[in-house]
C-alpha atoms as a PDB file:
ATOM      1  CA  MET A   1     -31.897  -5.762  19.136  1.00  0.00           C
ATOM      2  CA  THR A   2     -33.023  -3.467  16.316  1.00  0.00           C
ATOM      3  CA  THR A   3     -30.340  -1.931  14.128  1.00  0.00           C
ATOM      4  CA  HIS A   4     -31.292   1.402  12.581  1.00  0.00           C
ATOM      5  CA  ASN A   5     -29.967   2.745   9.295  1.00  0.00           C
ATOM      6  CA  LEU A   6     -27.482   5.587   9.383  1.00  0.00           C
ATOM      7  CA  ASN A   7     -27.593   9.178   8.199  1.00  0.00           C
ATOM      8  CA  LEU A   8     -24.077  10.484   7.651  1.00  0.00           C
ATOM      9  CA  THR A   9     -22.289  13.614   6.482  1.00  0.00           C
ATOM     10  CA  LEU A  10     -19.426  12.904   4.091  1.00  0.00           C
ATOM     11  CA  LYS A  11     -16.637  15.373   3.402  1.00  0.00           C
ATOM     12  CA  ILE A  12     -14.893  13.969   0.339  1.00  0.00           C
ATOM     13  CA  TRP A  13     -11.884  15.216  -1.611  1.00  0.00           C
ATOM     14  CA  ARG A  14     -12.869  16.056  -5.193  1.00  0.00           C
ATOM     15  CA  GLN A  15     -10.302  16.678  -7.908  1.00  0.00           C
ATOM     16  CA  ALA A  16     -11.159  16.611 -11.598  1.00  0.00           C
ATOM     17  CA  ASN A  17      -7.726  15.446 -12.791  1.00  0.00           C
ATOM     18  CA  ALA A  18      -4.047  15.402 -11.888  1.00  0.00           C
ATOM     19  CA  ASP A  19      -3.541  19.046 -12.895  1.00  0.00           C
ATOM     20  CA  ALA A  20      -6.665  20.485 -11.287  1.00  0.00           C
ATOM     21  CA  ARG A  21      -6.921  22.030  -7.843  1.00  0.00           C
ATOM     22  CA  GLY A  22      -8.869  19.829  -5.459  1.00  0.00           C
ATOM     23  CA  LYS A  23     -11.178  20.650  -2.580  1.00  0.00           C
ATOM     24  CA  PHE A  24     -13.455  18.978  -0.068  1.00  0.00           C
ATOM     25  CA  GLU A  25     -17.130  18.735  -0.934  1.00  0.00           C
ATOM     26  CA  THR A  26     -19.924  17.778   1.455  1.00  0.00           C
ATOM     27  CA  PHE A  27     -22.490  15.070   0.736  1.00  0.00           C
ATOM     28  CA  GLN A  28     -25.335  13.596   2.733  1.00  0.00           C
ATOM     29  CA  ALA A  29     -25.482   9.803   2.878  1.00  0.00           C
ATOM     30  CA  LYS A  30     -28.963   8.874   4.067  1.00  0.00           C
ATOM     31  CA  ASP A  31     -30.517   5.565   5.032  1.00  0.00           C
ATOM     32  CA  ILE A  32     -27.229   3.668   4.990  1.00  0.00           C
ATOM     33  CA  SER A  33     -27.440   0.078   6.200  1.00  0.00           C
ATOM     34  CA  PRO A  34     -24.931  -0.741   8.950  1.00  0.00           C
ATOM     35  CA  GLU A  35     -24.213  -3.996   7.083  1.00  0.00           C
ATOM     36  CA  MET A  36     -22.932  -2.183   3.997  1.00  0.00           C
ATOM     37  CA  SER A  37     -19.211  -2.164   3.379  1.00  0.00           C
ATOM     38  CA  PHE A  38     -17.532   1.228   3.069  1.00  0.00           C
ATOM     39  CA  LEU A  39     -17.297   0.895  -0.701  1.00  0.00           C
ATOM     40  CA  GLU A  40     -20.941  -0.187  -0.961  1.00  0.00           C
ATOM     41  CA  MET A  41     -21.804   3.005   0.897  1.00  0.00           C
ATOM     42  CA  LEU A  42     -19.861   5.010  -1.710  1.00  0.00           C
ATOM     43  CA  ASP A  43     -21.659   3.066  -4.463  1.00  0.00           C
ATOM     44  CA  PHE A  44     -24.982   4.032  -2.858  1.00  0.00           C
ATOM     45  CA  VAL A  45     -23.968   7.703  -2.730  1.00  0.00           C
ATOM     46  CA  ASN A  46     -22.800   7.563  -6.362  1.00  0.00           C
ATOM     47  CA  GLU A  47     -26.144   6.140  -7.481  1.00  0.00           C
ATOM     48  CA  GLU A  48     -27.887   9.136  -5.938  1.00  0.00           C
ATOM     49  CA  LEU A  49     -25.427  11.549  -7.527  1.00  0.00           C
ATOM     50  CA  THR A  50     -25.922   9.938 -10.938  1.00  0.00           C
ATOM     51  CA  LYS A  51     -29.717  10.127 -10.593  1.00  0.00           C
ATOM     52  CA  ASN A  52     -29.386  13.845  -9.878  1.00  0.00           C
ATOM     53  CA  GLY A  53     -27.109  14.406 -12.887  1.00  0.00           C
ATOM     54  CA  GLN A  54     -23.982  14.969 -10.782  1.00  0.00           C
ATOM     55  CA  GLU A  55     -20.490  13.587 -11.285  1.00  0.00           C
ATOM     56  CA  PRO A  56     -20.014  10.399  -9.216  1.00  0.00           C
ATOM     57  CA  ILE A  57     -17.116  10.115  -6.780  1.00  0.00           C
ATOM     58  CA  ALA A  58     -14.146   8.356  -8.391  1.00  0.00           C
ATOM     59  CA  PHE A  59     -12.502   5.717  -6.242  1.00  0.00           C
ATOM     60  CA  GLU A  60     -10.392   2.669  -7.033  1.00  0.00           C
ATOM     61  CA  HIS A  61     -11.416  -0.915  -6.313  1.00  0.00           C
ATOM     62  CA  ASP A  62     -11.063  -4.405  -7.698  1.00  0.00           C
ATOM     63  CA  CYS A  63     -11.438  -7.561  -5.600  1.00  0.00           C
ATOM     64  CA  ARG A  64     -13.366  -6.057  -2.647  1.00  0.00           C
ATOM     65  CA  GLU A  65     -12.072  -9.000  -0.643  1.00  0.00           C
ATOM     66  CA  GLY A  66      -9.083  -7.420   1.090  1.00  0.00           C
ATOM     67  CA  ILE A  67      -6.615  -8.930  -1.377  1.00  0.00           C
ATOM     68  CA  CYS A  68      -5.579  -6.279  -3.915  1.00  0.00           C
ATOM     69  CA  GLY A  69      -5.374  -3.097  -1.800  1.00  0.00           C
ATOM     70  CA  CYS A  70      -6.727  -0.888  -4.604  1.00  0.00           C
ATOM     71  CA  CYS A  71      -9.429   0.566  -2.354  1.00  0.00           C
ATOM     72  CA  GLY A  72      -7.026   2.509  -0.143  1.00  0.00           C
ATOM     73  CA  ALA A  73      -8.083   5.945   1.077  1.00  0.00           C
ATOM     74  CA  VAL A  74      -7.646   8.011   4.226  1.00  0.00           C
ATOM     75  CA  VAL A  75     -10.768   8.007   6.406  1.00  0.00           C
ATOM     76  CA  ASN A  76     -10.926  10.440   9.325  1.00  0.00           C
ATOM     77  CA  GLY A  77      -7.167  10.836   9.107  1.00  0.00           C
ATOM     78  CA  ARG A  78      -6.386   7.110   9.170  1.00  0.00           C
ATOM     79  CA  ALA A  79      -5.267   4.934   6.253  1.00  0.00           C
ATOM     80  CA  HIS A  80      -7.939   2.328   5.401  1.00  0.00           C
ATOM     81  CA  GLY A  81     -10.003   3.822   8.230  1.00  0.00           C
ATOM     82  CA  GLY A  82      -7.602   2.827  10.979  1.00  0.00           C
ATOM     83  CA  PHE A  83      -9.032  -0.642  11.624  1.00  0.00           C
ATOM     84  CA  ALA A  84      -6.236  -3.135  12.385  1.00  0.00           C
ATOM     85  CA  GLY A  85      -5.374  -5.597   9.639  1.00  0.00           C
ATOM     86  CA  THR A  86      -8.221  -4.418   7.404  1.00  0.00           C
ATOM     87  CA  THR A  87      -8.439  -2.876   3.952  1.00  0.00           C
ATOM     88  CA  LEU A  88     -11.061  -0.210   3.364  1.00  0.00           C
ATOM     89  CA  CYS A  89     -13.297  -2.523   1.345  1.00  0.00           C
ATOM     90  CA  GLN A  90     -13.603  -4.788   4.398  1.00  0.00           C
ATOM     91  CA  VAL A  91     -14.677  -1.977   6.741  1.00  0.00           C
ATOM     92  CA  HIS A  92     -18.408  -2.029   7.456  1.00  0.00           C
ATOM     93  CA  MET A  93     -20.627   0.927   8.259  1.00  0.00           C
ATOM     94  CA  ARG A  94     -21.630  -0.527  11.632  1.00  0.00           C
ATOM     95  CA  HIS A  95     -18.361   0.917  12.926  1.00  0.00           C
ATOM     96  CA  PHE A  96     -19.718   4.453  12.437  1.00  0.00           C
ATOM     97  CA  SER A  97     -22.316   6.257  14.534  1.00  0.00           C
ATOM     98  CA  ASN A  98     -25.546   7.714  13.220  1.00  0.00           C
ATOM     99  CA  GLY A  99     -25.198  11.421  12.493  1.00  0.00           C
ATOM    100  CA  SER A 100     -21.396  11.355  12.385  1.00  0.00           C
ATOM    101  CA  THR A 101     -19.198  13.182   9.885  1.00  0.00           C
ATOM    102  CA  ILE A 102     -16.706  11.122   7.851  1.00  0.00           C
ATOM    103  CA  VAL A 103     -13.772  12.798   6.084  1.00  0.00           C
ATOM    104  CA  ILE A 104     -12.463  10.845   3.071  1.00  0.00           C
ATOM    105  CA  GLU A 105      -9.356  11.792   1.099  1.00  0.00           C
ATOM    106  CA  PRO A 106      -6.704  10.116  -1.077  1.00  0.00           C
ATOM    107  CA  TRP A 107      -3.235   9.007   0.001  1.00  0.00           C
ATOM    108  CA  ARG A 108      -1.074  12.064   0.736  1.00  0.00           C
ATOM    109  CA  ALA A 109       2.468  11.658  -0.611  1.00  0.00           C
ATOM    110  CA  ARG A 110       4.428  13.566  -3.238  1.00  0.00           C
ATOM    111  CA  PRO A 111       5.194  10.454  -5.339  1.00  0.00           C
ATOM    112  CA  PHE A 112       1.502   9.386  -5.323  1.00  0.00           C
ATOM    113  CA  LYS A 113      -0.053  11.883  -7.719  1.00  0.00           C
ATOM    114  CA  VAL A 114      -3.814  12.265  -7.340  1.00  0.00           C
ATOM    115  CA  LEU A 115      -5.406  11.268 -10.662  1.00  0.00           C
ATOM    116  CA  LYS A 116      -9.028  11.955  -9.768  1.00  0.00           C
ATOM    117  CA  ASP A 117     -10.900  12.315  -6.477  1.00  0.00           C
ATOM    118  CA  LEU A 118      -9.718   9.391  -4.324  1.00  0.00           C
ATOM    119  CA  ILE A 119      -7.608   7.669  -6.994  1.00  0.00           C
ATOM    120  CA  VAL A 120      -3.818   8.027  -6.849  1.00  0.00           C
ATOM    121  CA  ASP A 121      -1.087   6.814  -9.185  1.00  0.00           C
ATOM    122  CA  ARG A 122       0.863   4.103  -7.356  1.00  0.00           C
ATOM    123  CA  ALA A 123       3.175   3.432 -10.305  1.00  0.00           C
ATOM    124  CA  PRO A 124       6.173   4.518  -8.168  1.00  0.00           C
ATOM    125  CA  PHE A 125       5.800   1.240  -6.251  1.00  0.00           C
ATOM    126  CA  GLU A 126       6.017  -0.637  -9.533  1.00  0.00           C
ATOM    127  CA  GLN A 127       9.154   1.304 -10.482  1.00  0.00           C
ATOM    128  CA  ILE A 128      10.797   0.321  -7.198  1.00  0.00           C
ATOM    129  CA  GLN A 129       9.837  -3.298  -7.797  1.00  0.00           C
ATOM    130  CA  GLN A 130      11.212  -3.233 -11.332  1.00  0.00           C
ATOM    131  CA  VAL A 131      14.759  -2.321 -10.301  1.00  0.00           C
ATOM    132  CA  GLY A 132      15.271  -5.224  -7.901  1.00  0.00           C
ATOM    133  CA  GLY A 133      12.172  -7.017  -6.677  1.00  0.00           C
ATOM    134  CA  PHE A 134      12.945 -10.231  -8.516  1.00  0.00           C
ATOM    135  CA  VAL A 135      15.434 -13.098  -8.783  1.00  0.00           C
ATOM    136  CA  SER A 136      17.453 -13.084 -12.009  1.00  0.00           C
ATOM    137  CA  ILE A 137      19.678 -16.084 -11.264  1.00  0.00           C
ATOM    138  CA  ASN A 138      19.129 -18.907 -13.755  1.00  0.00           C
ATOM    139  CA  THR A 139      17.883 -21.878 -11.795  1.00  0.00           C
ATOM    140  CA  GLY A 140      17.436 -24.451 -14.562  1.00  0.00           C
ATOM    141  CA  SER A 141      14.601 -26.917 -14.259  1.00  0.00           C
ATOM    142  CA  ALA A 142      12.445 -26.986 -11.154  1.00  0.00           C
ATOM    143  CA  PRO A 143      14.366 -28.631  -8.291  1.00  0.00           C
ATOM    144  CA  GLU A 144      12.967 -31.285  -6.017  1.00  0.00           C
ATOM    145  CA  ALA A 145      11.020 -29.750  -3.151  1.00  0.00           C
ATOM    146  CA  ASN A 146      13.481 -30.873  -0.495  1.00  0.00           C
ATOM    147  CA  SER A 147      16.732 -30.269  -2.400  1.00  0.00           C
ATOM    148  CA  LEU A 148      17.117 -26.764  -0.936  1.00  0.00           C
ATOM    149  CA  PRO A 149      16.262 -26.969   2.739  1.00  0.00           C
ATOM    150  CA  VAL A 150      14.898 -23.775   4.273  1.00  0.00           C
ATOM    151  CA  LYS A 151      14.551 -23.256   7.997  1.00  0.00           C
ATOM    152  CA  ARG A 152      10.912 -23.112   9.021  1.00  0.00           C
ATOM    153  CA  GLU A 153      11.298 -19.760  10.764  1.00  0.00           C
ATOM    154  CA  ASP A 154      12.883 -18.247   7.623  1.00  0.00           C
ATOM    155  CA  ALA A 155      10.106 -19.648   5.446  1.00  0.00           C
ATOM    156  CA  GLU A 156       7.487 -18.195   7.785  1.00  0.00           C
ATOM    157  CA  LEU A 157       9.153 -14.783   7.802  1.00  0.00           C
ATOM    158  CA  ALA A 158       9.467 -14.834   4.005  1.00  0.00           C
ATOM    159  CA  MET A 159       5.782 -15.685   3.607  1.00  0.00           C
ATOM    160  CA  ASP A 160       4.793 -12.934   6.044  1.00  0.00           C
ATOM    161  CA  ALA A 161       6.806 -10.382   4.058  1.00  0.00           C
ATOM    162  CA  ALA A 162       5.430 -11.678   0.752  1.00  0.00           C
ATOM    163  CA  SER A 163       1.882 -10.944   1.933  1.00  0.00           C
ATOM    164  CA  CYS A 164       2.462  -7.215   1.234  1.00  0.00           C
ATOM    165  CA  ILE A 165      -0.139  -6.088  -1.313  1.00  0.00           C
ATOM    166  CA  GLY A 166       1.512  -2.765  -2.167  1.00  0.00           C
ATOM    167  CA  CYS A 167      -1.551  -0.713  -1.246  1.00  0.00           C
ATOM    168  CA  GLY A 168       0.470   2.299  -0.049  1.00  0.00           C
ATOM    169  CA  ALA A 169      -1.090   2.594   3.406  1.00  0.00           C
ATOM    170  CA  CYS A 170       2.385   2.601   4.947  1.00  0.00           C
ATOM    171  CA  VAL A 171       3.319   5.665   2.903  1.00  0.00           C
ATOM    172  CA  ALA A 172       0.037   7.425   3.667  1.00  0.00           C
ATOM    173  CA  ALA A 173       0.424   6.804   7.407  1.00  0.00           C
ATOM    174  CA  CYS A 174       4.089   7.799   7.662  1.00  0.00           C
ATOM    175  CA  PRO A 175       4.760  11.417   8.709  1.00  0.00           C
ATOM    176  CA  ASN A 176       7.602  11.444   6.170  1.00  0.00           C
ATOM    177  CA  ALA A 177       5.762   9.529   3.430  1.00  0.00           C
ATOM    178  CA  SER A 178       8.443   6.836   3.571  1.00  0.00           C
ATOM    179  CA  ALA A 179       8.115   3.653   1.532  1.00  0.00           C
ATOM    180  CA  MET A 180      10.548   1.713   3.723  1.00  0.00           C
ATOM    181  CA  LEU A 181       7.992  -0.836   4.923  1.00  0.00           C
ATOM    182  CA  PHE A 182       6.977  -1.677   1.347  1.00  0.00           C
ATOM    183  CA  VAL A 183      10.586  -1.888   0.152  1.00  0.00           C
ATOM    184  CA  SER A 184      11.673  -3.925   3.163  1.00  0.00           C
ATOM    185  CA  ALA A 185       8.859  -6.418   2.622  1.00  0.00           C
ATOM    186  CA  LYS A 186       9.864  -6.914  -1.022  1.00  0.00           C
ATOM    187  CA  VAL A 187      13.539  -7.239  -0.090  1.00  0.00           C
ATOM    188  CA  SER A 188      12.888  -9.563   2.860  1.00  0.00           C
ATOM    189  CA  HIS A 189      10.683 -12.110   1.172  1.00  0.00           C
ATOM    190  CA  LEU A 190      13.422 -12.797  -1.399  1.00  0.00           C
ATOM    191  CA  ALA A 191      16.502 -12.395   0.818  1.00  0.00           C
ATOM    192  CA  LEU A 192      15.217 -14.913   3.358  1.00  0.00           C
ATOM    193  CA  LEU A 193      15.088 -17.682   0.746  1.00  0.00           C
ATOM    194  CA  PRO A 194      18.126 -19.373  -0.870  1.00  0.00           C
ATOM    195  CA  HIS A 195      17.522 -18.256  -4.463  1.00  0.00           C
ATOM    196  CA  GLY A 196      17.217 -14.624  -3.430  1.00  0.00           C
ATOM    197  CA  GLN A 197      20.341 -14.396  -1.290  1.00  0.00           C
ATOM    198  CA  ALA A 198      22.853 -14.078  -4.152  1.00  0.00           C
ATOM    199  CA  GLU A 199      21.439 -10.682  -5.104  1.00  0.00           C
ATOM    200  CA  ALA A 200      20.387  -9.553  -1.626  1.00  0.00           C
ATOM    201  CA  MET A 201      22.851  -6.662  -1.279  1.00  0.00           C
ATOM    202  CA  ILE A 202      22.492  -5.277  -4.790  1.00  0.00           C
ATOM    203  CA  ARG A 203      18.711  -5.615  -4.527  1.00  0.00           C
ATOM    204  CA  ALA A 204      18.608  -3.542  -1.356  1.00  0.00           C
ATOM    205  CA  ARG A 205      20.872  -0.861  -2.835  1.00  0.00           C
ATOM    206  CA  LYS A 206      18.907  -0.558  -6.064  1.00  0.00           C
ATOM    207  CA  MET A 207      15.461  -0.493  -4.465  1.00  0.00           C
ATOM    208  CA  VAL A 208      16.408   2.023  -1.776  1.00  0.00           C
ATOM    209  CA  GLY A 209      18.089   4.156  -4.433  1.00  0.00           C
ATOM    210  CA  LYS A 210      14.957   4.163  -6.573  1.00  0.00           C
ATOM    211  CA  MET A 211      12.793   4.932  -3.554  1.00  0.00           C
ATOM    212  CA  ASP A 212      14.914   7.997  -2.786  1.00  0.00           C
ATOM    213  CA  GLU A 213      14.968   9.043  -6.437  1.00  0.00           C
ATOM    214  CA  LEU A 214      11.156   9.006  -6.589  1.00  0.00           C
ATOM    215  CA  GLY A 215      10.844  11.348  -3.614  1.00  0.00           C
ATOM    216  CA  PHE A 216       9.693   9.121  -0.778  1.00  0.00           C
ATOM    217  CA  GLY A 217      10.768  10.333   2.659  1.00  0.00           C
ATOM    218  CA  ASN A 218      13.136   8.820   5.199  1.00  0.00           C
ATOM    219  CA  CYS A 219      12.112   6.346   7.868  1.00  0.00           C
ATOM    220  CA  SER A 220      12.193   7.840  11.375  1.00  0.00           C
ATOM    221  CA  ASN A 221      10.926   4.739  13.238  1.00  0.00           C
ATOM    222  CA  GLU A 222       7.480   6.137  14.002  1.00  0.00           C
ATOM    223  CA  ALA A 223       5.965   2.659  13.383  1.00  0.00           C
ATOM    224  CA  GLU A 224       2.813   4.261  11.969  1.00  0.00           C
ATOM    225  CA  CYS A 225       3.386   2.146   8.861  1.00  0.00           C
ATOM    226  CA  GLU A 226       3.105  -1.113  10.786  1.00  0.00           C
ATOM    227  CA  ALA A 227      -0.060   0.060  12.534  1.00  0.00           C
ATOM    228  CA  ALA A 228      -1.698   1.017   9.229  1.00  0.00           C
ATOM    229  CA  CYS A 229      -0.641  -2.030   7.205  1.00  0.00           C
ATOM    230  CA  PRO A 230      -3.673  -4.207   6.385  1.00  0.00           C
ATOM    231  CA  LYS A 231      -1.404  -7.266   6.147  1.00  0.00           C
ATOM    232  CA  ARG A 232       0.406  -6.536   9.433  1.00  0.00           C
ATOM    233  CA  ILE A 233       3.887  -6.333   7.877  1.00  0.00           C
ATOM    234  CA  LYS A 234       6.386  -5.906  10.727  1.00  0.00           C
ATOM    235  CA  ILE A 235       8.937  -3.096  10.943  1.00  0.00           C
ATOM    236  CA  SER A 236      11.538  -5.753  11.759  1.00  0.00           C
ATOM    237  CA  ASN A 237      11.717  -6.063   7.964  1.00  0.00           C
ATOM    238  CA  ILE A 238      13.040  -2.492   7.857  1.00  0.00           C
ATOM    239  CA  ALA A 239      15.888  -3.517  10.171  1.00  0.00           C
ATOM    240  CA  ARG A 240      16.707  -6.380   7.790  1.00  0.00           C
ATOM    241  CA  LEU A 241      16.652  -3.998   4.819  1.00  0.00           C
ATOM    242  CA  ASN A 242      18.992  -1.614   6.637  1.00  0.00           C
ATOM    243  CA  ARG A 243      21.446  -4.444   7.325  1.00  0.00           C
ATOM    244  CA  HIS A 244      21.487  -5.465   3.673  1.00  0.00           C
ATOM    245  CA  PHE A 245      21.816  -1.870   2.521  1.00  0.00           C
ATOM    246  CA  MET A 246      24.724  -1.190   4.903  1.00  0.00           C
ATOM    247  CA  ALA A 247      26.436  -4.392   3.789  1.00  0.00           C
ATOM    248  CA  ALA A 248      25.992  -3.361   0.156  1.00  0.00           C
ATOM    249  CA  THR A 249      27.425   0.078   0.887  1.00  0.00           C
ATOM    250  CA  LEU A 250      30.431  -1.212   2.805  1.00  0.00           C
ATOM    251  CA  PHE A 251      31.266  -4.436   1.020  1.00  0.00           C
ATOM    252  CA  GLY A 252      29.205  -4.664  -2.135  1.00  0.00           C
ATOM    253  CA  ARG A 253      30.782  -4.450  -5.542  1.00  0.00           C
ATOM    254  CA  PRO A 254      29.430  -1.924  -8.053  1.00  0.00           C
ATOM    255  CA  GLU A 255      27.344  -3.457 -10.814  1.00  0.00           C
ATOM    256  CA  ARG A 256      29.186  -4.009 -14.048  1.00  0.00           C
ATOM    257  CA  LYS A 257      27.711  -2.045 -16.908  1.00  0.00           C
ATOM    258  CA  SER A 258      27.278  -3.782 -20.230  1.00  0.00           C
ATOM    259  CA  ALA A 259      29.351  -2.505 -23.120  1.00  0.00           C
ATOM    260  CA  PRO A 260      27.426  -0.623 -25.825  1.00  0.00           C
ATOM    261  CA  GLY A 261      25.613  -3.089 -28.022  1.00  0.00           C
ATOM    262  CA  ALA A 262      26.288  -6.006 -25.650  1.00  0.00           C
END
């Protein structure tokens, strides 16, 4: 079976900087190998633009192995292209038909400011992580592996939640631009393990509070986030987050503030 190269029309969001007005521009991608990855296709297009003295398309990437999530963009209205359990860098051009039009744009959410073209500022995720996505309890020296028994099912759930790469696809896919799946994954992977349980309630309250402060929307159980997540994070984590948050609201004690100079 002979596989022919592809000729594609690309409609790509171009924006010079965070303060500029953006717009879609049309490019022709010719003689694209079906074995190219999506990012290799963009590299190919950028080489042609550079040869012609035009500004190349700015997009973010790092590992190109489906690990870091930097490559995220919306393709034909779907985060990461809409392929289950796959980051955009792992999408190959054989999934597209010759002569088709592909629309490529950045994540769309108020907290994710577009920096240039397809690159957005995902620092809000880091700010959410900074207020509670850690364990601050002093644990002393490393304990023996079996000194704190953990049920296998809890360990499995914690590892599944910890696989979140913070790419932002959940926010981009959500009609409300909610970050609940991301926050619930970060809360769950710590709360399911013994060392993280002491701060479980305060962690949930702080991280949800920061999420709201940054302007992310509310979760309305659309489950679009789960469908778009390249690491298949389950929305059952959101239910766990809600339980911890409600417990913190009803029974949690307010954090003690340090005295000036303490």
